[in-house]
Amino acid sequence: MTTRLAGLTGATLPQVAPVCHECVWWQSRTGGRRVDKARWIEKAETEFGAWGTVYYDDDRRVLGSMQYGAARLFPLADDLPAGPPSDDAVLVTCAYLLDRSSPWVLQSLFLAAIADAKDKGAAALETFAYRYPEGESDYERFLVHRTVFPRDFLADFGFGTVRSSGQVELVRLELGGLVPVLEGKRSKVLRVLREAFLPEPVPAPRP
């Protein structure tokens, strides 16, 4: 299967999961006035360009998407536990996966965000992580929560802790150390994802 990545913009937004179309959770401050999504998109694309990535298969079916951008575009992050993000970072806010049988999608979305942030001259990529208890299901870790990512998964990319609050951490990947980190960790990251997204066993038909 061949795949294709495209920027998440106002033009591609209608193709991703419907829940993302009008969502302005990250764009609005706690208790503040609701942000107009169309106006925010115009501002984001003027200041930053595409504000995420969409992942398609060869049939043009969307397998997942990720939102990210300059940290200043997501004011809610300032109010979250372990926030605020750093001014010099691109912030990954959320990812939505539509096909749990495609384990490479989340990895590919993170790799695309890393490359885009580096191309745009950002010093680092940051996101919010959660330290799940031992034995937590992979479904819970990778599919239920769209706005925080497993701390151990991010550690395999080379993210380090900026600050923590309870089980939540703000983590940071310094882009200057990108190549050696990813070359050493890529196989482990893919193995974790493959285990997380393998399809549920199908019961054998009775004779």
N, C-alpha and C. Protein backbone atom coordinates (compact mmCIF):
# COMPACT_ATOMS: atom_id res chain seq x y z
N MET A 1 0.84 -1.19 0.00
CA MET A 1 0.00 0.00 0.00
C MET A 1 0.88 1.24 0.00
N THR A 2 0.62 2.16 -0.90
CA THR A 2 1.31 3.43 -0.88
C THR A 2 0.52 4.43 -0.04
N THR A 3 1.21 5.43 0.45
CA THR A 3 0.56 6.42 1.31
C THR A 3 0.99 7.81 0.88
N ARG A 4 0.25 8.78 1.37
CA ARG A 4 0.55 10.16 1.02
C ARG A 4 0.23 11.05 2.20
N LEU A 5 1.10 12.01 2.46
CA LEU A 5 0.88 12.99 3.50
C LEU A 5 0.54 14.33 2.86
N ALA A 6 -0.40 15.03 3.46
CA ALA A 6 -0.75 16.38 3.01
C ALA A 6 -0.89 17.26 4.23
N GLY A 7 -0.71 18.56 4.02
CA GLY A 7 -0.86 19.49 5.12
C GLY A 7 -2.31 19.60 5.58
N LEU A 8 -2.50 19.77 6.88
CA LEU A 8 -3.83 20.04 7.42
C LEU A 8 -4.08 21.54 7.30
N THR A 9 -5.06 21.89 6.48
CA THR A 9 -5.40 23.29 6.21
C THR A 9 -6.92 23.42 6.16
N GLY A 10 -7.38 24.62 5.91
CA GLY A 10 -8.81 24.81 5.73
C GLY A 10 -9.36 24.00 4.58
N ALA A 11 -8.53 23.74 3.55
CA ALA A 11 -8.98 22.98 2.39
C ALA A 11 -9.08 21.49 2.68
N THR A 12 -8.19 20.95 3.51
CA THR A 12 -8.20 19.51 3.79
C THR A 12 -8.97 19.15 5.06
N LEU A 13 -9.30 20.14 5.88
CA LEU A 13 -10.02 19.86 7.13
C LEU A 13 -11.30 19.06 6.93
N PRO A 14 -12.14 19.32 5.89
CA PRO A 14 -13.37 18.54 5.73
C PRO A 14 -13.13 17.04 5.51
N GLN A 15 -11.92 16.64 5.18
CA GLN A 15 -11.64 15.24 4.90
C GLN A 15 -11.30 14.43 6.15
N VAL A 16 -10.98 15.09 7.26
CA VAL A 16 -10.57 14.37 8.47
C VAL A 16 -11.81 14.06 9.31
N ALA A 17 -11.60 13.48 10.47
CA ALA A 17 -12.71 13.06 11.33
C ALA A 17 -13.66 14.23 11.62
N PRO A 18 -14.97 14.03 11.53
CA PRO A 18 -15.93 15.12 11.74
C PRO A 18 -15.76 15.86 13.06
N VAL A 19 -15.33 15.15 14.10
CA VAL A 19 -15.17 15.79 15.41
C VAL A 19 -14.15 16.92 15.35
N CYS A 20 -13.25 16.89 14.38
CA CYS A 20 -12.20 17.90 14.27
C CYS A 20 -12.65 19.16 13.52
N HIS A 21 -13.76 19.08 12.80
CA HIS A 21 -14.13 20.16 11.89
C HIS A 21 -14.36 21.49 12.60
N GLU A 22 -15.06 21.46 13.71
CA GLU A 22 -15.40 22.70 14.42
C GLU A 22 -14.69 22.82 15.76
N CYS A 23 -13.88 21.85 16.11
CA CYS A 23 -13.26 21.85 17.44
C CYS A 23 -12.28 23.02 17.58
N VAL A 24 -12.44 23.79 18.66
CA VAL A 24 -11.52 24.88 18.97
C VAL A 24 -11.08 24.80 20.43
N TRP A 25 -11.02 23.58 20.94
CA TRP A 25 -10.65 23.38 22.34
C TRP A 25 -9.28 23.97 22.64
N TRP A 26 -8.30 23.65 21.81
CA TRP A 26 -6.94 24.15 22.03
C TRP A 26 -6.82 25.64 21.72
N GLN A 27 -7.66 26.14 20.87
CA GLN A 27 -7.55 27.53 20.43
C GLN A 27 -8.21 28.52 21.39
N SER A 28 -8.98 28.02 22.36
CA SER A 28 -9.73 28.89 23.28
C SER A 28 -9.14 28.82 24.68
N ARG A 29 -9.07 29.94 25.34
CA ARG A 29 -8.62 29.95 26.73
C ARG A 29 -9.74 29.45 27.65
N THR A 30 -9.34 28.88 28.78
CA THR A 30 -10.31 28.39 29.75
C THR A 30 -11.23 29.53 30.19
N GLY A 31 -12.53 29.32 30.04
CA GLY A 31 -13.50 30.33 30.45
C GLY A 31 -13.60 31.53 29.54
N GLY A 32 -12.87 31.53 28.44
CA GLY A 32 -12.87 32.68 27.53
C GLY A 32 -13.90 32.54 26.43
N ARG A 33 -13.93 33.54 25.57
CA ARG A 33 -14.87 33.55 24.45
C ARG A 33 -14.50 32.47 23.44
N ARG A 34 -15.50 31.80 22.90
CA ARG A 34 -15.26 30.76 21.91
C ARG A 34 -14.64 31.37 20.65
N VAL A 35 -13.63 30.71 20.14
CA VAL A 35 -12.89 31.19 18.97
C VAL A 35 -13.62 30.77 17.70
N ASP A 36 -13.65 31.66 16.71
CA ASP A 36 -14.20 31.33 15.40
C ASP A 36 -13.16 30.51 14.64
N LYS A 37 -13.50 29.27 14.28
CA LYS A 37 -12.53 28.37 13.67
C LYS A 37 -12.01 28.91 12.33
N ALA A 38 -12.88 29.46 11.51
CA ALA A 38 -12.46 29.97 10.21
C ALA A 38 -11.45 31.10 10.35
N ARG A 39 -11.67 31.99 11.31
CA ARG A 39 -10.74 33.10 11.51
C ARG A 39 -9.42 32.58 12.07
N TRP A 40 -9.50 31.59 12.96
CA TRP A 40 -8.26 31.01 13.49
C TRP A 40 -7.46 30.35 12.37
N ILE A 41 -8.12 29.62 11.48
CA ILE A 41 -7.42 28.97 10.37
C ILE A 41 -6.71 30.00 9.51
N GLU A 42 -7.38 31.10 9.21
CA GLU A 42 -6.76 32.14 8.40
C GLU A 42 -5.50 32.68 9.08
N LYS A 43 -5.60 32.93 10.37
CA LYS A 43 -4.45 33.44 11.13
C LYS A 43 -3.32 32.41 11.16
N ALA A 44 -3.66 31.14 11.42
CA ALA A 44 -2.65 30.09 11.50
C ALA A 44 -1.92 29.92 10.18
N GLU A 45 -2.67 29.92 9.08
CA GLU A 45 -2.04 29.69 7.78
C GLU A 45 -1.21 30.89 7.33
N THR A 46 -1.59 32.09 7.77
CA THR A 46 -0.81 33.27 7.46
C THR A 46 0.51 33.27 8.23
N GLU A 47 0.43 32.91 9.52
CA GLU A 47 1.61 32.99 10.38
C GLU A 47 2.50 31.75 10.33
N PHE A 48 1.88 30.58 10.07
CA PHE A 48 2.63 29.33 10.22
C PHE A 48 2.60 28.45 8.98
N GLY A 49 1.52 28.54 8.21
CA GLY A 49 1.33 27.62 7.09
C GLY A 49 0.39 26.49 7.50
N ALA A 50 0.52 25.34 6.86
CA ALA A 50 -0.30 24.19 7.24
C ALA A 50 -0.10 23.90 8.72
N TRP A 51 -1.19 23.65 9.44
CA TRP A 51 -1.14 23.53 10.90
C TRP A 51 -1.36 22.07 11.33
N GLY A 52 -0.81 21.18 10.54
CA GLY A 52 -0.87 19.76 10.87
C GLY A 52 -0.66 18.92 9.63
N THR A 53 -0.96 17.64 9.75
CA THR A 53 -0.75 16.68 8.67
C THR A 53 -1.93 15.73 8.57
N VAL A 54 -2.30 15.39 7.34
CA VAL A 54 -3.31 14.37 7.07
C VAL A 54 -2.62 13.20 6.38
N TYR A 55 -2.97 11.99 6.80
CA TYR A 55 -2.34 10.78 6.27
C TYR A 55 -3.38 9.99 5.46
N TYR A 56 -3.09 9.79 4.16
CA TYR A 56 -4.00 9.08 3.25
C TYR A 56 -3.38 7.76 2.82
N ASP A 57 -4.25 6.77 2.48
CA ASP A 57 -3.74 5.59 1.81
C ASP A 57 -3.87 5.79 0.29
N ASP A 58 -3.54 4.75 -0.48
CA ASP A 58 -3.52 4.91 -1.93
C ASP A 58 -4.91 5.05 -2.54
N ASP A 59 -5.96 4.78 -1.76
CA ASP A 59 -7.33 5.00 -2.21
C ASP A 59 -7.88 6.36 -1.77
N ARG A 60 -6.98 7.20 -1.27
CA ARG A 60 -7.35 8.53 -0.79
C ARG A 60 -8.24 8.46 0.45
N ARG A 61 -8.15 7.34 1.15
CA ARG A 61 -8.87 7.21 2.41
C ARG A 61 -8.01 7.77 3.53
N VAL A 62 -8.59 8.61 4.39
CA VAL A 62 -7.84 9.20 5.49
C VAL A 62 -7.67 8.16 6.60
N LEU A 63 -6.42 7.93 7.00
CA LEU A 63 -6.13 7.00 8.08
C LEU A 63 -5.92 7.72 9.41
N GLY A 64 -5.58 9.00 9.34
CA GLY A 64 -5.37 9.75 10.57
C GLY A 64 -4.94 11.17 10.27
N SER A 65 -4.96 12.00 11.30
CA SER A 65 -4.52 13.38 11.16
C SER A 65 -3.94 13.85 12.47
N MET A 66 -3.11 14.89 12.38
CA MET A 66 -2.48 15.47 13.57
C MET A 66 -2.51 16.99 13.44
N GLN A 67 -2.79 17.66 14.55
CA GLN A 67 -2.77 19.13 14.59
C GLN A 67 -1.54 19.59 15.35
N TYR A 68 -0.83 20.56 14.80
CA TYR A 68 0.30 21.17 15.49
C TYR A 68 0.53 22.55 14.91
N GLY A 69 1.35 23.32 15.57
CA GLY A 69 1.67 24.65 15.09
C GLY A 69 2.47 25.40 16.12
N ALA A 70 2.78 26.66 15.82
CA ALA A 70 3.47 27.50 16.78
C ALA A 70 2.69 27.51 18.10
N ALA A 71 3.40 27.39 19.20
CA ALA A 71 2.73 27.25 20.50
C ALA A 71 1.75 28.40 20.77
N ARG A 72 2.06 29.60 20.26
CA ARG A 72 1.20 30.77 20.53
C ARG A 72 -0.19 30.62 19.91
N LEU A 73 -0.35 29.70 18.95
CA LEU A 73 -1.64 29.51 18.31
C LEU A 73 -2.62 28.72 19.18
N PHE A 74 -2.14 28.14 20.27
CA PHE A 74 -2.97 27.27 21.10
C PHE A 74 -2.93 27.76 22.55
N PRO A 75 -3.66 28.84 22.86
CA PRO A 75 -3.56 29.45 24.19
C PRO A 75 -4.02 28.56 25.33
N LEU A 76 -4.87 27.57 25.07
CA LEU A 76 -5.29 26.70 26.17
C LEU A 76 -4.11 25.99 26.80
N ALA A 77 -3.06 25.73 26.01
CA ALA A 77 -1.90 25.01 26.53
C ALA A 77 -1.25 25.74 27.70
N ASP A 78 -1.42 27.07 27.76
CA ASP A 78 -0.85 27.83 28.87
C ASP A 78 -1.51 27.47 30.19
N ASP A 79 -2.76 27.02 30.14
CA ASP A 79 -3.54 26.77 31.35
C ASP A 79 -3.53 25.29 31.78
N LEU A 80 -2.95 24.43 30.98
CA LEU A 80 -2.99 23.00 31.28
C LEU A 80 -1.94 22.62 32.32
N PRO A 81 -2.18 21.52 33.06
CA PRO A 81 -1.14 21.02 33.95
C PRO A 81 0.16 20.78 33.18
N ALA A 82 1.26 21.22 33.76
CA ALA A 82 2.61 21.12 33.18
C ALA A 82 2.89 22.18 32.13
N GLY A 83 1.89 23.00 31.76
CA GLY A 83 2.13 24.09 30.81
C GLY A 83 2.81 25.25 31.51
N PRO A 84 3.13 26.30 30.77
CA PRO A 84 2.87 26.51 29.34
C PRO A 84 3.98 25.93 28.47
N PRO A 85 3.70 25.75 27.16
CA PRO A 85 4.76 25.33 26.25
C PRO A 85 5.75 26.46 26.03
N SER A 86 6.88 26.13 25.43
CA SER A 86 7.94 27.11 25.21
C SER A 86 7.65 27.96 23.98
N ASP A 87 8.08 29.21 24.02
CA ASP A 87 7.83 30.14 22.91
C ASP A 87 8.55 29.72 21.63
N ASP A 88 9.66 28.98 21.76
CA ASP A 88 10.45 28.63 20.57
C ASP A 88 10.07 27.29 19.97
N ALA A 89 8.98 26.69 20.46
CA ALA A 89 8.63 25.33 20.05
C ALA A 89 7.39 25.29 19.17
N VAL A 90 7.33 24.26 18.33
CA VAL A 90 6.09 23.86 17.67
C VAL A 90 5.41 22.87 18.61
N LEU A 91 4.11 23.07 18.83
CA LEU A 91 3.37 22.24 19.78
C LEU A 91 2.45 21.27 19.04
N VAL A 92 2.58 19.98 19.32
CA VAL A 92 1.63 18.97 18.85
C VAL A 92 0.49 18.93 19.85
N THR A 93 -0.72 19.19 19.39
CA THR A 93 -1.85 19.26 20.32
C THR A 93 -2.70 17.99 20.34
N CYS A 94 -2.86 17.32 19.21
CA CYS A 94 -3.74 16.16 19.18
C CYS A 94 -3.53 15.37 17.90
N ALA A 95 -3.94 14.11 17.95
CA ALA A 95 -3.93 13.24 16.77
C ALA A 95 -5.18 12.39 16.80
N TYR A 96 -5.74 12.15 15.64
CA TYR A 96 -6.96 11.33 15.53
C TYR A 96 -6.71 10.24 14.52
N LEU A 97 -6.73 8.99 14.98
CA LEU A 97 -6.51 7.83 14.13
C LEU A 97 -7.83 7.16 13.81
N LEU A 98 -8.05 6.87 12.54
CA LEU A 98 -9.32 6.27 12.13
C LEU A 98 -9.22 4.78 11.85
N ASP A 99 -8.02 4.25 11.79
CA ASP A 99 -7.86 2.84 11.41
C ASP A 99 -6.86 2.19 12.35
N ARG A 100 -7.34 1.40 13.30
CA ARG A 100 -6.45 0.80 14.28
C ARG A 100 -5.62 -0.34 13.70
N SER A 101 -5.89 -0.75 12.47
CA SER A 101 -5.09 -1.80 11.84
C SER A 101 -3.88 -1.23 11.10
N SER A 102 -3.63 0.08 11.20
CA SER A 102 -2.50 0.72 10.54
C SER A 102 -1.55 1.28 11.60
N PRO A 103 -0.66 0.46 12.14
CA PRO A 103 0.13 0.87 13.31
C PRO A 103 1.16 1.93 13.03
N TRP A 104 1.50 2.14 11.77
CA TRP A 104 2.55 3.10 11.45
C TRP A 104 2.03 4.53 11.34
N VAL A 105 0.73 4.74 11.41
CA VAL A 105 0.19 6.07 11.14
C VAL A 105 0.63 7.07 12.20
N LEU A 106 0.51 6.75 13.48
CA LEU A 106 0.88 7.71 14.52
C LEU A 106 2.36 8.02 14.45
N GLN A 107 3.17 7.01 14.23
CA GLN A 107 4.60 7.25 14.09
C GLN A 107 4.88 8.18 12.92
N SER A 108 4.24 7.92 11.79
CA SER A 108 4.47 8.74 10.60
C SER A 108 4.01 10.18 10.82
N LEU A 109 2.91 10.37 11.54
CA LEU A 109 2.45 11.71 11.83
C LEU A 109 3.44 12.47 12.71
N PHE A 110 4.01 11.79 13.69
CA PHE A 110 5.01 12.45 14.52
C PHE A 110 6.27 12.77 13.72
N LEU A 111 6.69 11.84 12.86
CA LEU A 111 7.86 12.10 12.04
C LEU A 111 7.63 13.29 11.11
N ALA A 112 6.40 13.40 10.56
CA ALA A 112 6.07 14.53 9.70
C ALA A 112 6.11 15.84 10.49
N ALA A 113 5.59 15.82 11.72
CA ALA A 113 5.60 17.03 12.54
C ALA A 113 7.03 17.44 12.88
N ILE A 114 7.86 16.47 13.17
CA ILE A 114 9.26 16.76 13.48
C ILE A 114 9.94 17.40 12.27
N ALA A 115 9.74 16.82 11.10
CA ALA A 115 10.38 17.35 9.89
C ALA A 115 9.86 18.74 9.56
N ASP A 116 8.55 18.97 9.70
CA ASP A 116 7.96 20.26 9.38
C ASP A 116 8.49 21.33 10.34
N ALA A 117 8.53 20.99 11.64
CA ALA A 117 9.02 21.95 12.62
C ALA A 117 10.47 22.31 12.35
N LYS A 118 11.26 21.32 11.99
CA LYS A 118 12.67 21.57 11.68
C LYS A 118 12.80 22.46 10.44
N ASP A 119 11.99 22.17 9.41
CA ASP A 119 12.04 22.97 8.18
C ASP A 119 11.65 24.43 8.43
N LYS A 120 10.75 24.64 9.40
CA LYS A 120 10.28 25.99 9.69
C LYS A 120 11.16 26.72 10.69
N GLY A 121 12.25 26.09 11.09
CA GLY A 121 13.23 26.76 11.93
C GLY A 121 12.94 26.75 13.41
N ALA A 122 12.01 25.90 13.85
CA ALA A 122 11.71 25.81 15.28
C ALA A 122 12.87 25.15 16.02
N ALA A 123 13.06 25.54 17.25
CA ALA A 123 14.13 24.95 18.06
C ALA A 123 13.77 23.56 18.55
N ALA A 124 12.46 23.30 18.70
CA ALA A 124 12.06 22.04 19.31
C ALA A 124 10.60 21.74 18.96
N LEU A 125 10.22 20.49 19.21
CA LEU A 125 8.83 20.06 19.14
C LEU A 125 8.42 19.70 20.56
N GLU A 126 7.25 20.18 20.99
CA GLU A 126 6.76 19.87 22.33
C GLU A 126 5.35 19.30 22.24
N THR A 127 4.97 18.57 23.26
CA THR A 127 3.62 18.04 23.37
C THR A 127 3.37 17.63 24.81
N PHE A 128 2.15 17.26 25.12
CA PHE A 128 1.81 16.83 26.47
C PHE A 128 1.75 15.30 26.51
N ALA A 129 2.34 14.76 27.57
CA ALA A 129 2.44 13.31 27.73
C ALA A 129 1.74 12.89 29.02
N TYR A 130 1.40 11.60 29.08
CA TYR A 130 0.74 11.05 30.26
C TYR A 130 1.45 9.77 30.67
N ARG A 131 1.76 9.67 31.95
CA ARG A 131 2.41 8.46 32.46
C ARG A 131 1.32 7.47 32.89
N TYR A 132 1.04 6.54 32.01
CA TYR A 132 0.00 5.55 32.29
C TYR A 132 0.50 4.51 33.29
N PRO A 133 -0.40 3.99 34.13
CA PRO A 133 0.01 2.94 35.07
C PRO A 133 0.38 1.67 34.32
N GLU A 134 1.23 0.90 34.93
CA GLU A 134 1.66 -0.36 34.32
C GLU A 134 0.44 -1.26 34.11
N GLY A 135 0.37 -1.88 32.94
CA GLY A 135 -0.73 -2.77 32.63
C GLY A 135 -1.90 -2.10 31.94
N GLU A 136 -1.85 -0.78 31.72
CA GLU A 136 -2.92 -0.09 31.01
C GLU A 136 -3.00 -0.62 29.57
N SER A 137 -4.22 -0.76 29.05
CA SER A 137 -4.39 -1.33 27.73
C SER A 137 -3.85 -0.40 26.65
N ASP A 138 -3.39 -0.99 25.55
CA ASP A 138 -2.91 -0.19 24.43
C ASP A 138 -4.04 0.60 23.79
N TYR A 139 -5.25 0.06 23.83
CA TYR A 139 -6.39 0.81 23.32
C TYR A 139 -6.56 2.12 24.09
N GLU A 140 -6.46 2.05 25.42
CA GLU A 140 -6.58 3.23 26.25
C GLU A 140 -5.43 4.20 25.98
N ARG A 141 -4.25 3.67 25.83
CA ARG A 141 -3.05 4.51 25.69
C ARG A 141 -3.00 5.25 24.35
N PHE A 142 -3.46 4.60 23.28
CA PHE A 142 -3.26 5.18 21.95
C PHE A 142 -4.52 5.68 21.26
N LEU A 143 -5.70 5.19 21.67
CA LEU A 143 -6.91 5.53 20.92
C LEU A 143 -7.93 6.35 21.69
N VAL A 144 -7.99 6.19 23.00
CA VAL A 144 -9.03 6.87 23.78
C VAL A 144 -8.71 8.35 23.94
N HIS A 145 -7.48 8.66 24.30
CA HIS A 145 -7.09 10.04 24.57
C HIS A 145 -6.38 10.61 23.35
N ARG A 146 -6.96 11.61 22.74
CA ARG A 146 -6.44 12.15 21.49
C ARG A 146 -5.48 13.32 21.70
N THR A 147 -5.42 13.86 22.92
CA THR A 147 -4.67 15.10 23.14
C THR A 147 -3.45 14.93 24.03
N VAL A 148 -3.24 13.77 24.60
CA VAL A 148 -2.02 13.45 25.32
C VAL A 148 -1.52 12.11 24.80
N PHE A 149 -0.22 11.91 24.87
CA PHE A 149 0.39 10.72 24.29
C PHE A 149 1.17 9.98 25.36
N PRO A 150 1.29 8.65 25.24
CA PRO A 150 2.00 7.88 26.26
C PRO A 150 3.44 8.36 26.43
N ARG A 151 3.84 8.55 27.68
CA ARG A 151 5.17 9.09 27.95
C ARG A 151 6.26 8.16 27.43
N ASP A 152 6.09 6.85 27.58
CA ASP A 152 7.13 5.93 27.13
C ASP A 152 7.25 5.93 25.60
N PHE A 153 6.13 6.07 24.90
CA PHE A 153 6.15 6.17 23.44
C PHE A 153 6.95 7.38 22.98
N LEU A 154 6.72 8.53 23.63
CA LEU A 154 7.44 9.74 23.25
C LEU A 154 8.92 9.66 23.63
N ALA A 155 9.22 8.98 24.71
CA ALA A 155 10.62 8.82 25.11
C ALA A 155 11.41 8.11 24.03
N ASP A 156 10.77 7.19 23.31
CA ASP A 156 11.46 6.46 22.25
C ASP A 156 11.82 7.35 21.06
N PHE A 157 11.15 8.49 20.93
CA PHE A 157 11.53 9.47 19.92
C PHE A 157 12.65 10.38 20.41
N GLY A 158 12.88 10.40 21.72
CA GLY A 158 13.90 11.27 22.29
C GLY A 158 13.35 12.47 23.04
N PHE A 159 12.02 12.53 23.28
CA PHE A 159 11.45 13.63 24.04
C PHE A 159 11.91 13.56 25.50
N GLY A 160 12.28 14.71 26.04
CA GLY A 160 12.63 14.80 27.45
C GLY A 160 11.64 15.67 28.19
N THR A 161 11.56 15.50 29.51
CA THR A 161 10.59 16.23 30.33
C THR A 161 11.02 17.67 30.56
N VAL A 162 10.10 18.59 30.31
CA VAL A 162 10.30 20.01 30.64
C VAL A 162 9.81 20.26 32.05
N ARG A 163 8.57 19.86 32.35
CA ARG A 163 8.02 19.94 33.69
C ARG A 163 6.87 18.95 33.80
N SER A 164 6.50 18.62 35.02
CA SER A 164 5.42 17.65 35.23
C SER A 164 4.44 18.17 36.28
N SER A 165 3.21 17.65 36.20
CA SER A 165 2.17 17.94 37.17
C SER A 165 1.33 16.68 37.32
N GLY A 166 1.51 15.97 38.42
CA GLY A 166 0.85 14.69 38.56
C GLY A 166 1.33 13.72 37.50
N GLN A 167 0.40 13.11 36.77
CA GLN A 167 0.75 12.14 35.73
C GLN A 167 1.01 12.79 34.37
N VAL A 168 0.81 14.11 34.29
CA VAL A 168 0.96 14.82 33.02
C VAL A 168 2.34 15.47 32.95
N GLU A 169 2.95 15.42 31.76
CA GLU A 169 4.23 16.07 31.53
C GLU A 169 4.17 16.89 30.25
N LEU A 170 4.87 18.01 30.25
CA LEU A 170 5.20 18.70 29.01
C LEU A 170 6.56 18.16 28.59
N VAL A 171 6.63 17.62 27.38
CA VAL A 171 7.88 17.02 26.92
C VAL A 171 8.37 17.74 25.67
N ARG A 172 9.68 17.64 25.44
CA ARG A 172 10.33 18.45 24.40
C ARG A 172 11.37 17.61 23.66
N LEU A 173 11.36 17.73 22.34
CA LEU A 173 12.37 17.12 21.50
C LEU A 173 13.20 18.23 20.88
N GLU A 174 14.46 18.32 21.25
CA GLU A 174 15.36 19.30 20.66
C GLU A 174 15.69 18.85 19.24
N LEU A 175 15.42 19.69 18.27
CA LEU A 175 15.53 19.26 16.89
C LEU A 175 16.97 19.13 16.42
N GLY A 176 17.90 19.72 17.14
CA GLY A 176 19.31 19.55 16.79
C GLY A 176 19.78 18.12 16.96
N GLY A 177 19.13 17.35 17.83
CA GLY A 177 19.53 15.96 18.05
C GLY A 177 18.64 14.96 17.36
N LEU A 178 17.92 15.40 16.34
CA LEU A 178 16.90 14.57 15.70
C LEU A 178 17.44 13.30 15.08
N VAL A 179 18.45 13.38 14.22
CA VAL A 179 18.84 12.24 13.40
C VAL A 179 19.34 11.07 14.23
N PRO A 180 20.31 11.26 15.15
CA PRO A 180 20.77 10.09 15.90
C PRO A 180 19.71 9.46 16.76
N VAL A 181 18.81 10.27 17.32
CA VAL A 181 17.75 9.71 18.16
C VAL A 181 16.83 8.81 17.35
N LEU A 182 16.35 9.31 16.21
CA LEU A 182 15.39 8.54 15.43
C LEU A 182 16.02 7.30 14.81
N GLU A 183 17.28 7.39 14.40
CA GLU A 183 17.91 6.22 13.80
C GLU A 183 18.02 5.09 14.82
N GLY A 184 18.24 5.44 16.09
CA GLY A 184 18.42 4.42 17.10
C GLY A 184 17.12 3.87 17.65
N LYS A 185 16.02 4.61 17.52
CA LYS A 185 14.78 4.23 18.18
C LYS A 185 13.68 3.80 17.24
N ARG A 186 13.85 3.97 15.94
CA ARG A 186 12.76 3.77 14.99
C ARG A 186 12.13 2.39 15.09
N SER A 187 12.95 1.35 15.15
CA SER A 187 12.41 -0.01 15.16
C SER A 187 11.60 -0.28 16.42
N LYS A 188 12.05 0.27 17.56
CA LYS A 188 11.33 0.05 18.80
C LYS A 188 9.98 0.76 18.77
N VAL A 189 9.97 2.00 18.26
CA VAL A 189 8.72 2.75 18.16
C VAL A 189 7.71 2.00 17.30
N LEU A 190 8.16 1.50 16.16
CA LEU A 190 7.25 0.79 15.26
C LEU A 190 6.73 -0.49 15.89
N ARG A 191 7.58 -1.19 16.65
CA ARG A 191 7.14 -2.42 17.31
C ARG A 191 6.05 -2.13 18.33
N VAL A 192 6.22 -1.07 19.12
CA VAL A 192 5.21 -0.70 20.11
C VAL A 192 3.89 -0.39 19.44
N LEU A 193 3.94 0.36 18.34
CA LEU A 193 2.72 0.72 17.63
C LEU A 193 2.05 -0.50 17.01
N ARG A 194 2.86 -1.40 16.45
CA ARG A 194 2.28 -2.60 15.82
C ARG A 194 1.53 -3.41 16.86
N GLU A 195 2.10 -3.55 18.05
CA GLU A 195 1.45 -4.30 19.12
C GLU A 195 0.16 -3.61 19.57
N ALA A 196 0.17 -2.27 19.55
CA ALA A 196 -0.99 -1.52 20.03
C ALA A 196 -2.17 -1.61 19.09
N PHE A 197 -1.92 -1.71 17.78
CA PHE A 197 -3.00 -1.57 16.82
C PHE A 197 -3.31 -2.84 16.04
N LEU A 198 -2.76 -3.96 16.45
CA LEU A 198 -3.13 -5.21 15.78
C LEU A 198 -4.63 -5.42 15.91
N PRO A 199 -5.30 -5.89 14.87
CA PRO A 199 -6.74 -6.11 14.96
C PRO A 199 -7.08 -7.13 16.05
N GLU A 200 -8.26 -6.98 16.61
CA GLU A 200 -8.74 -7.94 17.59
C GLU A 200 -8.86 -9.33 16.94
N PRO A 201 -8.52 -10.39 17.69
CA PRO A 201 -8.67 -11.74 17.12
C PRO A 201 -10.11 -12.01 16.71
N VAL A 202 -10.27 -12.65 15.58
CA VAL A 202 -11.60 -13.03 15.09
C VAL A 202 -11.87 -14.48 15.47
N PRO A 203 -12.97 -14.75 16.18
CA PRO A 203 -13.24 -16.14 16.56
C PRO A 203 -13.36 -17.05 15.33
N ALA A 204 -12.80 -18.22 15.46
CA ALA A 204 -12.88 -19.19 14.35
C ALA A 204 -14.33 -19.66 14.20
N PRO A 205 -14.80 -19.85 12.96
CA PRO A 205 -16.17 -20.32 12.76
C PRO A 205 -16.34 -21.74 13.31
N ARG A 206 -17.49 -21.98 13.85
CA ARG A 206 -17.77 -23.32 14.37
C ARG A 206 -18.09 -24.27 13.23
N PRO A 207 -17.66 -25.52 13.36
CA PRO A 207 -17.96 -26.49 12.30
C PRO A 207 -19.45 -26.78 12.21
